[in-house]
Amino acid sequence: FIFEITIKLIIFYFNFVFNNYVTAFVGSLFFAAAIYSLAVFCSVIFSSKNKATSISVGVIILMYVINAVASLKDSIQNLHYVSFFYYFNGSQLLAKNIYPDYALLILGGFAIIITVFSLIIFNKRDLSV
């Protein structure tokens, strides 16, 4: 029932642009992959589950704050390049279908590089059975 109502609303009342949603989906996947790889890296480095979770969440919150503050103050404007949130702009993805290629390269490259480092560190780890 809910699915049928949603389909009718999309067809009759909303201006549905499929390309915008595909772009938003791909951008979201790269953004999520970067966050996921950061969390996996923290879990490989720290033996405690709570410590790894806290540091991962703390880094992501710090990135958000850095992006927000850097956009407000001109003297630290270049600091926003260290934040994932600078490279992911959901409103531009959905409304204008704009996603810069360098953003995909940076988020995807970060995810791949950090995942490879995580694998290397994990394989060198001495695990007790």
C-alpha atoms as a PDB file:
ATOM      1  CA  PHE A   1       0.000   0.000   0.000  1.00  0.00           C
ATOM      2  CA  ILE A   2       2.702   2.502   0.993  1.00  0.00           C
ATOM      3  CA  PHE A   3       4.805   1.541  -2.012  1.00  0.00           C
ATOM      4  CA  GLU A   4       1.843   2.175  -4.331  1.00  0.00           C
ATOM      5  CA  ILE A   5       1.219   5.615  -2.832  1.00  0.00           C
ATOM      6  CA  THR A   6       4.907   6.473  -3.134  1.00  0.00           C
ATOM      7  CA  ILE A   7       4.968   5.479  -6.801  1.00  0.00           C
ATOM      8  CA  LYS A   8       1.840   7.515  -7.539  1.00  0.00           C
ATOM      9  CA  LEU A   9       3.299  10.560  -5.781  1.00  0.00           C
ATOM     10  CA  ILE A  10       6.520  10.263  -7.734  1.00  0.00           C
ATOM     11  CA  ILE A  11       4.771   9.843 -11.062  1.00  0.00           C
ATOM     12  CA  PHE A  12       2.099  12.506 -10.701  1.00  0.00           C
ATOM     13  CA  TYR A  13       3.390  15.152  -8.298  1.00  0.00           C
ATOM     14  CA  PHE A  14       7.158  15.214  -8.340  1.00  0.00           C
ATOM     15  CA  ASN A  15       9.553  16.254 -11.038  1.00  0.00           C
ATOM     16  CA  PHE A  16      11.600  13.059 -11.025  1.00  0.00           C
ATOM     17  CA  VAL A  17      14.985  13.288 -12.744  1.00  0.00           C
ATOM     18  CA  PHE A  18      16.545   9.830 -12.747  1.00  0.00           C
ATOM     19  CA  ASN A  19      20.077  11.010 -13.588  1.00  0.00           C
ATOM     20  CA  ASN A  20      20.196  13.180 -10.475  1.00  0.00           C
ATOM     21  CA  TYR A  21      19.330  10.231  -8.278  1.00  0.00           C
ATOM     22  CA  VAL A  22      21.937   8.030  -9.928  1.00  0.00           C
ATOM     23  CA  THR A  23      24.577  10.715  -9.388  1.00  0.00           C
ATOM     24  CA  ALA A  24      23.506  11.117  -5.762  1.00  0.00           C
ATOM     25  CA  PHE A  25      23.632   7.351  -5.269  1.00  0.00           C
ATOM     26  CA  VAL A  26      27.149   7.047  -6.698  1.00  0.00           C
ATOM     27  CA  GLY A  27      28.358  10.025  -4.675  1.00  0.00           C
ATOM     28  CA  SER A  28      26.809   8.569  -1.539  1.00  0.00           C
ATOM     29  CA  LEU A  29      28.524   5.242  -2.159  1.00  0.00           C
ATOM     30  CA  PHE A  30      31.934   6.903  -2.401  1.00  0.00           C
ATOM     31  CA  PHE A  31      31.241   8.987   0.708  1.00  0.00           C
ATOM     32  CA  ALA A  32      30.093   5.918   2.649  1.00  0.00           C
ATOM     33  CA  ALA A  33      33.104   3.913   1.443  1.00  0.00           C
ATOM     34  CA  ALA A  34      35.475   6.595   2.735  1.00  0.00           C
ATOM     35  CA  ILE A  35      33.762   6.665   6.138  1.00  0.00           C
ATOM     36  CA  TYR A  36      33.613   2.881   6.294  1.00  0.00           C
ATOM     37  CA  SER A  37      37.308   2.513   5.449  1.00  0.00           C
ATOM     38  CA  LEU A  38      38.187   5.047   8.151  1.00  0.00           C
ATOM     39  CA  ALA A  39      36.174   3.040  10.689  1.00  0.00           C
ATOM     40  CA  VAL A  40      37.822  -0.226   9.613  1.00  0.00           C
ATOM     41  CA  PHE A  41      41.252   1.391   9.875  1.00  0.00           C
ATOM     42  CA  CYS A  42      40.502   2.559  13.417  1.00  0.00           C
ATOM     43  CA  SER A  43      39.262  -0.895  14.376  1.00  0.00           C
ATOM     44  CA  VAL A  44      42.462  -2.476  13.040  1.00  0.00           C
ATOM     45  CA  ILE A  45      44.688  -0.050  14.913  1.00  0.00           C
ATOM     46  CA  PHE A  46      42.890  -0.102  18.271  1.00  0.00           C
ATOM     47  CA  SER A  47      42.194  -3.395  19.994  1.00  0.00           C
ATOM     48  CA  SER A  48      39.213  -2.090  21.970  1.00  0.00           C
ATOM     49  CA  LYS A  49      35.906  -1.935  20.119  1.00  0.00           C
ATOM     50  CA  ASN A  50      34.749   1.063  22.146  1.00  0.00           C
ATOM     51  CA  LYS A  51      37.951   2.994  21.515  1.00  0.00           C
ATOM     52  CA  ALA A  52      37.803   2.336  17.765  1.00  0.00           C
ATOM     53  CA  THR A  53      34.164   3.407  17.572  1.00  0.00           C
ATOM     54  CA  SER A  54      34.749   6.535  19.664  1.00  0.00           C
ATOM     55  CA  ILE A  55      37.733   7.651  17.633  1.00  0.00           C
ATOM     56  CA  SER A  56      35.980   6.968  14.304  1.00  0.00           C
ATOM     57  CA  VAL A  57      32.907   8.946  15.319  1.00  0.00           C
ATOM     58  CA  GLY A  58      35.094  11.680  16.807  1.00  0.00           C
ATOM     59  CA  VAL A  59      37.098  12.057  13.589  1.00  0.00           C
ATOM     60  CA  ILE A  60      33.928  12.272  11.499  1.00  0.00           C
ATOM     61  CA  ILE A  61      32.399  14.875  13.817  1.00  0.00           C
ATOM     62  CA  LEU A  62      35.676  16.804  13.754  1.00  0.00           C
ATOM     63  CA  MET A  63      35.646  16.732   9.945  1.00  0.00           C
ATOM     64  CA  TYR A  64      32.120  18.121   9.927  1.00  0.00           C
ATOM     65  CA  VAL A  65      33.031  20.909  12.347  1.00  0.00           C
ATOM     66  CA  ILE A  66      36.191  21.743  10.386  1.00  0.00           C
ATOM     67  CA  ASN A  67      34.171  22.008   7.175  1.00  0.00           C
ATOM     68  CA  ALA A  68      31.549  24.234   8.818  1.00  0.00           C
ATOM     69  CA  VAL A  69      34.068  26.545  10.508  1.00  0.00           C
ATOM     70  CA  ALA A  70      36.340  26.741   7.453  1.00  0.00           C
ATOM     71  CA  SER A  71      33.433  27.853   5.293  1.00  0.00           C
ATOM     72  CA  LEU A  72      32.653  30.665   7.736  1.00  0.00           C
ATOM     73  CA  LYS A  73      36.133  32.072   8.280  1.00  0.00           C
ATOM     74  CA  ASP A  74      38.343  33.118   5.371  1.00  0.00           C
ATOM     75  CA  SER A  75      41.649  32.816   7.234  1.00  0.00           C
ATOM     76  CA  ILE A  76      41.233  29.038   7.619  1.00  0.00           C
ATOM     77  CA  GLN A  77      39.396  28.412   4.360  1.00  0.00           C
ATOM     78  CA  ASN A  78      41.991  25.927   3.094  1.00  0.00           C
ATOM     79  CA  LEU A  79      41.407  23.705   6.119  1.00  0.00           C
ATOM     80  CA  HIS A  80      38.139  22.376   4.701  1.00  0.00           C
ATOM     81  CA  TYR A  81      40.075  20.204   2.236  1.00  0.00           C
ATOM     82  CA  VAL A  82      40.734  17.680   5.041  1.00  0.00           C
ATOM     83  CA  SER A  83      37.018  17.042   5.506  1.00  0.00           C
ATOM     84  CA  PHE A  84      34.976  14.427   3.654  1.00  0.00           C
ATOM     85  CA  PHE A  85      31.999  16.749   3.906  1.00  0.00           C
ATOM     86  CA  TYR A  86      33.667  19.256   1.574  1.00  0.00           C
ATOM     87  CA  TYR A  87      33.740  16.639  -1.187  1.00  0.00           C
ATOM     88  CA  PHE A  88      30.159  15.447  -0.651  1.00  0.00           C
ATOM     89  CA  ASN A  89      27.449  18.024  -1.305  1.00  0.00           C
ATOM     90  CA  GLY A  90      24.075  16.299  -1.355  1.00  0.00           C
ATOM     91  CA  SER A  91      22.057  19.323  -2.400  1.00  0.00           C
ATOM     92  CA  GLN A  92      24.202  19.902  -5.486  1.00  0.00           C
ATOM     93  CA  LEU A  93      24.000  16.215  -6.319  1.00  0.00           C
ATOM     94  CA  LEU A  94      20.217  16.052  -6.263  1.00  0.00           C
ATOM     95  CA  ALA A  95      19.276  19.512  -7.487  1.00  0.00           C
ATOM     96  CA  LYS A  96      21.897  20.260 -10.127  1.00  0.00           C
ATOM     97  CA  ASN A  97      23.415  16.835 -10.875  1.00  0.00           C
ATOM     98  CA  ILE A  98      26.860  18.282 -10.211  1.00  0.00           C
ATOM     99  CA  TYR A  99      29.576  16.113  -8.735  1.00  0.00           C
ATOM    100  CA  PRO A 100      33.176  17.099  -9.391  1.00  0.00           C
ATOM    101  CA  ASP A 101      35.443  14.316 -10.644  1.00  0.00           C
ATOM    102  CA  TYR A 102      38.137  15.210  -8.143  1.00  0.00           C
ATOM    103  CA  ALA A 103      35.705  14.512  -5.300  1.00  0.00           C
ATOM    104  CA  LEU A 104      35.159  10.956  -6.517  1.00  0.00           C
ATOM    105  CA  LEU A 105      38.910  10.513  -6.917  1.00  0.00           C
ATOM    106  CA  ILE A 106      39.671  11.793  -3.435  1.00  0.00           C
ATOM    107  CA  LEU A 107      36.942   9.854  -1.627  1.00  0.00           C
ATOM    108  CA  GLY A 108      37.548   6.679  -3.634  1.00  0.00           C
ATOM    109  CA  GLY A 109      41.319   7.001  -3.397  1.00  0.00           C
ATOM    110  CA  PHE A 110      41.129   7.521   0.354  1.00  0.00           C
ATOM    111  CA  ALA A 111      38.910   4.460   0.720  1.00  0.00           C
ATOM    112  CA  ILE A 112      41.243   2.263  -1.338  1.00  0.00           C
ATOM    113  CA  ILE A 113      44.480   3.470   0.271  1.00  0.00           C
ATOM    114  CA  ILE A 114      43.200   3.221   3.847  1.00  0.00           C
ATOM    115  CA  THR A 115      41.699  -0.218   3.163  1.00  0.00           C
ATOM    116  CA  VAL A 116      45.054  -1.440   1.808  1.00  0.00           C
ATOM    117  CA  PHE A 117      46.847  -0.030   4.883  1.00  0.00           C
ATOM    118  CA  SER A 118      44.283  -1.754   7.098  1.00  0.00           C
ATOM    119  CA  LEU A 119      44.908  -5.084   5.370  1.00  0.00           C
ATOM    120  CA  ILE A 120      48.673  -4.709   5.725  1.00  0.00           C
ATOM    121  CA  ILE A 121      48.458  -3.812   9.413  1.00  0.00           C
ATOM    122  CA  PHE A 122      45.932  -6.560  10.103  1.00  0.00           C
ATOM    123  CA  ASN A 123      48.097  -9.216   8.413  1.00  0.00           C
ATOM    124  CA  LYS A 124      51.155  -8.162  10.460  1.00  0.00           C
ATOM    125  CA  ARG A 125      49.161  -8.361  13.677  1.00  0.00           C
ATOM    126  CA  ASP A 126      49.877 -11.216  16.070  1.00  0.00           C
ATOM    127  CA  LEU A 127      46.487 -12.677  16.905  1.00  0.00           C
ATOM    128  CA  SER A 128      46.178 -15.108  19.780  1.00  0.00           C
ATOM    129  CA  VAL A 129      43.901 -18.052  19.236  1.00  0.00           C
END
